[in-house]
N, C-alpha and C. Protein backbone atom coordinates (compact mmCIF):
# COMPACT_ATOMS: atom_id res chain seq x y z
N MET A 1 -7.47 21.12 -3.61
CA MET A 1 -6.89 20.03 -3.46
C MET A 1 -6.09 19.59 -4.53
N HIS A 2 -4.94 19.04 -4.30
CA HIS A 2 -4.52 19.10 -5.47
C HIS A 2 -4.16 17.35 -5.34
N THR A 3 -4.24 17.14 -6.92
CA THR A 3 -3.86 15.62 -6.96
C THR A 3 -2.73 15.61 -7.53
N HIS A 4 -2.07 13.96 -8.07
CA HIS A 4 -1.12 13.78 -8.55
C HIS A 4 -1.22 12.37 -9.39
N ASP A 5 -0.51 12.57 -10.73
CA ASP A 5 -0.40 11.48 -10.93
C ASP A 5 -0.35 10.60 -10.06
N VAL A 6 -0.84 9.32 -10.53
CA VAL A 6 -0.54 8.33 -9.81
C VAL A 6 1.07 7.39 -10.51
N ASP A 7 1.32 7.22 -9.88
CA ASP A 7 2.44 6.00 -10.22
C ASP A 7 2.18 4.51 -11.25
N GLU A 8 2.10 4.31 -12.30
CA GLU A 8 1.17 3.18 -13.11
C GLU A 8 1.76 1.81 -12.57
N GLU A 9 3.10 2.25 -12.66
CA GLU A 9 4.12 0.36 -12.54
C GLU A 9 3.82 0.37 -11.27
N LEU A 10 3.79 1.39 -9.79
CA LEU A 10 3.26 0.73 -8.59
C LEU A 10 2.15 0.58 -8.43
N VAL A 11 1.04 0.70 -8.97
CA VAL A 11 -0.18 0.52 -9.11
C VAL A 11 -0.51 -1.46 -9.36
N ALA A 12 -0.02 -1.36 -10.61
CA ALA A 12 0.01 -2.43 -11.47
C ALA A 12 0.78 -3.46 -10.29
N ALA A 13 1.76 -2.93 -10.18
CA ALA A 13 2.76 -4.23 -8.44
C ALA A 13 1.55 -4.66 -8.01
N VAL A 14 1.35 -3.62 -7.04
CA VAL A 14 0.35 -4.21 -6.46
C VAL A 14 -1.27 -4.51 -6.57
N ALA A 15 -1.55 -4.68 -7.58
CA ALA A 15 -2.73 -4.82 -8.12
C ALA A 15 -2.01 -6.45 -7.70
N GLU A 16 -1.38 -6.92 -8.61
CA GLU A 16 -0.98 -8.23 -9.21
C GLU A 16 -0.71 -8.94 -7.92
N VAL A 17 -0.26 -8.43 -7.41
CA VAL A 17 0.31 -8.99 -5.44
C VAL A 17 -0.91 -9.15 -5.04
N ALA A 18 -1.95 -8.30 -5.01
CA ALA A 18 -3.04 -8.67 -4.33
C ALA A 18 -3.62 -9.55 -5.36
N ARG A 19 -4.11 -9.97 -6.54
CA ARG A 19 -4.40 -10.65 -6.94
C ARG A 19 -3.98 -12.32 -7.18
N THR A 20 -2.58 -12.53 -7.12
CA THR A 20 -1.98 -13.71 -6.93
C THR A 20 -1.69 -14.36 -5.47
N ARG A 21 -1.26 -13.24 -4.23
CA ARG A 21 -0.89 -13.48 -3.59
C ARG A 21 -2.32 -13.49 -2.47
N CYS A 22 -3.13 -12.67 -2.49
CA CYS A 22 -3.86 -12.41 -1.48
C CYS A 22 -5.32 -13.26 -1.47
N ARG A 23 -5.26 -14.86 -0.65
CA ARG A 23 -6.09 -15.62 -0.68
C ARG A 23 -6.65 -16.32 0.58
N GLY A 24 -7.88 -16.17 0.82
CA GLY A 24 -8.13 -16.79 2.21
C GLY A 24 -8.60 -15.72 2.68
N ASP A 25 -8.28 -16.09 4.22
CA ASP A 25 -8.87 -15.03 5.17
C ASP A 25 -7.49 -14.37 6.03
N ASN A 26 -6.49 -15.06 5.86
CA ASN A 26 -5.47 -14.34 6.27
C ASN A 26 -4.60 -13.22 5.55
N HIS A 27 -4.54 -13.05 4.64
CA HIS A 27 -3.90 -12.13 3.59
C HIS A 27 -4.93 -11.74 2.70
N THR A 28 -5.59 -10.53 2.91
CA THR A 28 -6.17 -9.95 2.42
C THR A 28 -6.25 -8.74 1.88
N MET A 29 -5.00 -8.15 2.02
CA MET A 29 -4.77 -6.89 1.58
C MET A 29 -3.16 -6.77 1.07
N ALA A 30 -2.37 -5.80 0.05
CA ALA A 30 -1.42 -6.00 -0.46
C ALA A 30 -1.40 -4.55 -0.08
N ALA A 31 0.08 -4.38 -0.10
CA ALA A 31 0.38 -2.42 -0.62
C ALA A 31 1.86 -2.66 -1.31
N ALA A 32 2.24 -1.69 -1.73
CA ALA A 32 3.23 -1.93 -2.34
C ALA A 32 4.10 -0.29 -2.34
N ALA A 33 5.47 -0.28 -1.96
CA ALA A 33 5.55 1.40 -2.14
C ALA A 33 6.74 1.45 -3.25
N ARG A 34 7.08 2.31 -3.36
CA ARG A 34 7.82 2.76 -4.51
C ARG A 34 8.92 3.67 -3.72
N ALA A 35 10.35 3.43 -3.78
CA ALA A 35 11.66 3.45 -2.33
C ALA A 35 12.26 5.09 -3.50
N THR A 36 12.93 5.18 -2.35
CA THR A 36 13.44 6.86 -3.17
C THR A 36 14.63 6.57 -4.21
N ASP A 37 15.05 4.74 -4.11
CA ASP A 37 16.07 4.57 -4.85
C ASP A 37 15.11 3.60 -6.36
N GLY A 38 13.85 3.93 -6.00
CA GLY A 38 12.78 3.79 -7.90
C GLY A 38 12.54 2.06 -7.53
N ARG A 39 13.82 1.57 -6.65
CA ARG A 39 12.80 0.09 -6.83
C ARG A 39 11.39 0.02 -6.11
N ILE A 40 10.70 -0.96 -5.96
CA ILE A 40 9.13 -1.35 -5.91
C ILE A 40 9.16 -2.82 -4.48
N VAL A 41 8.79 -2.23 -3.49
CA VAL A 41 8.92 -3.29 -2.40
C VAL A 41 7.88 -3.71 -2.23
N THR A 42 7.02 -4.76 -1.94
CA THR A 42 5.42 -5.34 -1.63
C THR A 42 5.35 -6.19 -0.95
N GLY A 43 4.16 -6.21 -0.24
CA GLY A 43 3.77 -7.34 0.99
C GLY A 43 2.83 -7.20 1.29
N VAL A 44 2.26 -8.36 1.79
CA VAL A 44 0.65 -8.35 2.10
C VAL A 44 0.66 -8.67 3.78
N ASN A 45 -0.78 -8.24 4.07
CA ASN A 45 -1.11 -8.39 5.56
C ASN A 45 -1.02 -9.34 6.10
N ALA A 46 -1.08 -9.44 7.47
CA ALA A 46 -0.81 -11.06 8.25
C ALA A 46 -1.53 -11.41 8.87
N TYR A 47 -3.24 -11.10 8.78
CA TYR A 47 -4.08 -11.04 9.62
C TYR A 47 -4.27 -12.37 10.65
N HIS A 48 -4.49 -11.82 11.65
CA HIS A 48 -4.45 -12.70 13.02
C HIS A 48 -5.78 -12.34 13.99
N PHE A 49 -6.62 -13.00 14.57
CA PHE A 49 -7.65 -12.57 15.39
C PHE A 49 -7.11 -12.15 16.38
N THR A 50 -5.64 -11.63 17.00
CA THR A 50 -5.13 -10.86 17.84
C THR A 50 -4.60 -9.32 17.33
N GLY A 51 -4.73 -9.43 16.30
CA GLY A 51 -4.02 -8.85 15.55
C GLY A 51 -3.27 -9.01 14.38
N GLY A 52 -2.32 -8.05 14.23
CA GLY A 52 -1.40 -8.22 13.11
C GLY A 52 -1.14 -7.31 11.92
N PRO A 53 0.35 -7.15 11.35
CA PRO A 53 0.62 -6.25 10.66
C PRO A 53 -0.15 -6.04 9.13
N CYS A 54 -0.44 -4.89 9.30
CA CYS A 54 -1.26 -4.61 7.97
C CYS A 54 -0.16 -4.34 6.75
N ALA A 55 -0.87 -4.30 5.62
CA ALA A 55 0.06 -4.91 4.73
C ALA A 55 1.05 -3.76 4.22
N GLU A 56 0.67 -2.32 5.06
CA GLU A 56 1.58 -1.19 4.61
C GLU A 56 2.87 -1.42 5.40
N LEU A 57 3.00 -2.24 6.56
CA LEU A 57 3.46 -2.15 7.94
C LEU A 57 4.57 -3.25 7.59
N VAL A 58 3.48 -4.23 6.92
CA VAL A 58 4.96 -5.27 5.96
C VAL A 58 5.94 -4.65 5.30
N VAL A 59 5.42 -3.73 4.57
CA VAL A 59 6.21 -3.53 3.57
C VAL A 59 7.29 -2.12 3.82
N VAL A 60 6.79 -1.46 4.89
CA VAL A 60 8.23 -0.86 5.42
C VAL A 60 9.03 -1.61 6.02
N GLY A 61 9.16 -3.51 7.12
CA GLY A 61 9.78 -3.78 7.55
C GLY A 61 10.66 -4.62 5.93
N THR A 62 9.77 -4.83 4.95
CA THR A 62 10.47 -5.57 4.16
C THR A 62 11.55 -4.66 3.39
N ALA A 63 10.98 -3.69 3.18
CA ALA A 63 11.74 -2.46 2.35
C ALA A 63 12.83 -2.03 3.21
N ALA A 64 12.93 -2.14 4.17
CA ALA A 64 14.26 -2.10 5.61
C ALA A 64 15.32 -3.44 5.70
N ALA A 65 14.67 -4.46 5.02
CA ALA A 65 15.37 -5.70 4.97
C ALA A 65 16.07 -5.78 3.64
N GLN A 66 15.66 -5.39 2.69
CA GLN A 66 16.35 -5.11 1.58
C GLN A 66 17.25 -3.69 1.17
N GLY A 67 16.99 -3.16 2.66
CA GLY A 67 18.16 -1.81 2.28
C GLY A 67 17.44 -1.21 1.72
N ALA A 68 16.21 -0.73 1.61
CA ALA A 68 15.52 0.64 0.76
C ALA A 68 14.34 1.12 2.66
N TYR A 69 15.79 1.93 2.67
CA TYR A 69 15.06 2.99 3.97
C TYR A 69 14.39 4.46 3.75
N GLY A 70 14.28 4.89 2.37
CA GLY A 70 13.57 5.97 2.51
C GLY A 70 12.20 5.02 1.37
N LEU A 71 10.65 5.78 1.60
CA LEU A 71 9.74 5.66 0.62
C LEU A 71 9.21 6.50 0.45
N ARG A 72 9.26 6.71 -1.22
CA ARG A 72 8.74 7.82 -1.59
C ARG A 72 6.75 7.97 -1.66
N THR A 73 6.12 6.73 -1.95
CA THR A 73 5.08 6.83 -2.44
C THR A 73 4.36 5.33 -2.15
N ILE A 74 3.06 5.05 -0.86
CA ILE A 74 2.94 3.57 -1.26
C ILE A 74 1.31 3.77 -1.53
N VAL A 75 1.03 2.62 -1.77
CA VAL A 75 -0.50 1.95 -2.14
C VAL A 75 -1.03 0.80 -1.73
N ALA A 76 -2.03 0.66 -1.03
CA ALA A 76 -2.86 -0.71 -0.83
C ALA A 76 -3.99 -0.95 -1.38
N VAL A 77 -4.28 -1.96 -1.92
CA VAL A 77 -5.68 -3.00 -2.16
C VAL A 77 -5.54 -4.02 -1.78
N GLY A 78 -6.99 -4.18 -1.90
CA GLY A 78 -7.76 -5.67 -1.12
C GLY A 78 -7.62 -5.95 -2.10
N ASP A 79 -8.01 -7.96 -1.92
CA ASP A 79 -8.35 -9.00 -2.67
C ASP A 79 -9.25 -8.67 -4.05
N ARG A 80 -9.58 -9.57 -4.76
CA ARG A 80 -10.05 -9.51 -6.13
C ARG A 80 -11.76 -9.07 -5.66
N ASP A 81 -11.82 -9.77 -4.05
CA ASP A 81 -13.27 -9.41 -3.67
C ASP A 81 -13.89 -8.33 -3.53
N ARG A 82 -13.10 -7.39 -2.93
CA ARG A 82 -13.38 -5.97 -2.24
C ARG A 82 -13.12 -4.94 -2.97
N GLY A 83 -12.72 -5.17 -4.45
CA GLY A 83 -12.92 -3.94 -5.23
C GLY A 83 -11.46 -3.84 -5.82
N VAL A 84 -11.63 -2.19 -6.42
CA VAL A 84 -9.96 -1.64 -6.95
C VAL A 84 -10.08 -0.60 -6.47
N VAL A 85 -10.78 0.41 -5.62
CA VAL A 85 -10.22 1.35 -4.61
C VAL A 85 -9.33 1.13 -3.62
N PRO A 86 -8.35 2.09 -3.63
CA PRO A 86 -7.26 1.64 -2.89
C PRO A 86 -8.26 2.36 -1.05
N PRO A 87 -7.64 1.24 -0.04
CA PRO A 87 -8.48 2.28 0.98
C PRO A 87 -7.53 3.46 1.77
N PRO A 88 -7.49 4.06 2.49
CA PRO A 88 -6.62 4.69 3.59
C PRO A 88 -6.09 4.17 4.24
N PRO A 89 -4.63 4.28 4.92
CA PRO A 89 -4.62 3.27 5.68
C PRO A 89 -5.30 3.70 7.15
N CYS A 90 -4.88 2.62 7.60
CA CYS A 90 -6.02 2.85 9.22
C CYS A 90 -4.93 3.60 10.02
N GLY A 91 -5.70 3.70 10.78
CA GLY A 91 -4.90 5.06 12.52
C GLY A 91 -3.79 4.72 12.61
N ARG A 92 -3.60 3.05 12.43
CA ARG A 92 -1.86 2.66 13.40
C ARG A 92 -1.30 3.45 12.16
N CYS A 93 -1.26 2.97 11.12
CA CYS A 93 -0.82 2.61 10.18
C CYS A 93 -0.50 4.45 9.64
N ARG A 94 -1.42 4.93 9.13
CA ARG A 94 -1.14 6.34 9.41
C ARG A 94 0.14 7.18 10.21
N GLN A 95 -0.43 6.66 11.46
CA GLN A 95 0.71 7.25 12.49
C GLN A 95 2.33 6.51 12.42
N ALA A 96 2.49 5.29 12.00
CA ALA A 96 3.56 4.80 11.50
C ALA A 96 4.14 5.49 10.76
N LEU A 97 3.21 5.39 9.21
CA LEU A 97 4.01 6.19 7.78
C LEU A 97 4.62 7.26 8.32
N LEU A 98 3.68 8.14 8.88
CA LEU A 98 4.40 9.50 9.21
C LEU A 98 5.70 9.75 10.22
N ASP A 99 5.72 8.82 10.97
CA ASP A 99 6.47 8.11 12.00
C ASP A 99 7.95 8.34 10.99
N TYR A 100 7.87 7.63 10.14
CA TYR A 100 8.91 6.56 9.52
C TYR A 100 9.30 7.64 8.50
N PHE A 101 8.21 8.51 7.56
CA PHE A 101 8.17 8.77 6.47
C PHE A 101 7.44 10.40 6.06
N PRO A 102 7.71 11.48 6.76
CA PRO A 102 6.96 12.41 7.16
C PRO A 102 6.44 13.11 5.83
N ALA A 103 7.10 12.24 4.18
CA ALA A 103 6.77 13.39 3.29
C ALA A 103 6.14 12.16 2.03
N LEU A 104 5.73 11.17 2.78
CA LEU A 104 5.85 9.82 2.23
C LEU A 104 3.92 10.22 0.92
N GLU A 105 3.96 9.78 0.25
CA GLU A 105 2.54 10.18 -0.52
C GLU A 105 2.15 8.45 -0.76
N VAL A 106 0.60 9.25 -0.14
CA VAL A 106 -0.32 8.22 -0.06
C VAL A 106 -1.06 8.06 -1.26
N VAL A 107 -1.39 6.70 -2.17
CA VAL A 107 -2.51 6.29 -2.73
C VAL A 107 -3.68 6.64 -2.39
N VAL A 108 -4.61 7.20 -2.30
CA VAL A 108 -6.17 7.36 -1.78
C VAL A 108 -7.24 7.92 -2.32
N PRO A 109 -8.62 7.40 -2.48
CA PRO A 109 -9.50 7.95 -3.51
C PRO A 109 -9.78 8.96 -3.38
N THR A 110 -10.61 9.55 -4.20
CA THR A 110 -10.87 11.28 -4.12
C THR A 110 -11.79 11.34 -3.28
N PRO A 111 -12.14 12.83 -3.01
CA PRO A 111 -13.05 12.68 -2.04
C PRO A 111 -14.75 12.30 -2.05
N GLY A 112 -14.73 12.28 -3.39
CA GLY A 112 -16.19 11.54 -3.61
C GLY A 112 -16.25 10.05 -3.93
N GLY A 113 -14.72 9.28 -3.16
CA GLY A 113 -14.63 7.71 -3.05
C GLY A 113 -14.40 6.86 -4.40
N ARG A 114 -13.89 8.13 -5.65
CA ARG A 114 -13.70 7.41 -6.82
C ARG A 114 -12.31 7.55 -6.76
N PRO A 115 -11.18 6.31 -7.61
CA PRO A 115 -10.40 6.00 -7.70
C PRO A 115 -9.67 7.05 -8.25
N PRO A 116 -8.24 6.97 -7.85
CA PRO A 116 -7.56 8.92 -8.05
C PRO A 116 -7.23 8.57 -9.38
N ARG A 117 -7.02 9.95 -10.36
CA ARG A 117 -6.59 10.04 -11.62
C ARG A 117 -5.16 8.97 -11.65
N GLY A 118 -5.50 8.31 -12.81
CA GLY A 118 -4.91 7.54 -13.49
C GLY A 118 -4.08 5.79 -12.90
N TYR A 119 -5.60 5.59 -11.93
CA TYR A 119 -5.81 4.38 -11.46
C TYR A 119 -6.77 4.22 -11.97
N ARG A 120 -6.74 2.47 -12.35
CA ARG A 120 -7.31 1.95 -13.09
C ARG A 120 -8.61 1.56 -12.60
């Protein structure tokens, strides 16, 4: 298995959004993506008992709204009570991300559950 160096600026951006915007039960996850043009796009989930978009899907919509139709890398983290290890995307997000961006790199923990190399 090959691990890549982690985009430190992307990780810092998502950590800041999680720390400052994920409050209460409605917004518990943050995501950030690096667009192919270099921009960083961020978003938070919108939890609702009927379902709701995960942070990764919010980022896809936000990127499109900002004219960033290509994404290169994405990472999600929970609010400060959930720790710092990025969770893998849920099944729905995996499918949507694959459909929209087949070459997208997703920052996830190593097989042993440790944060990826370069992640704090």
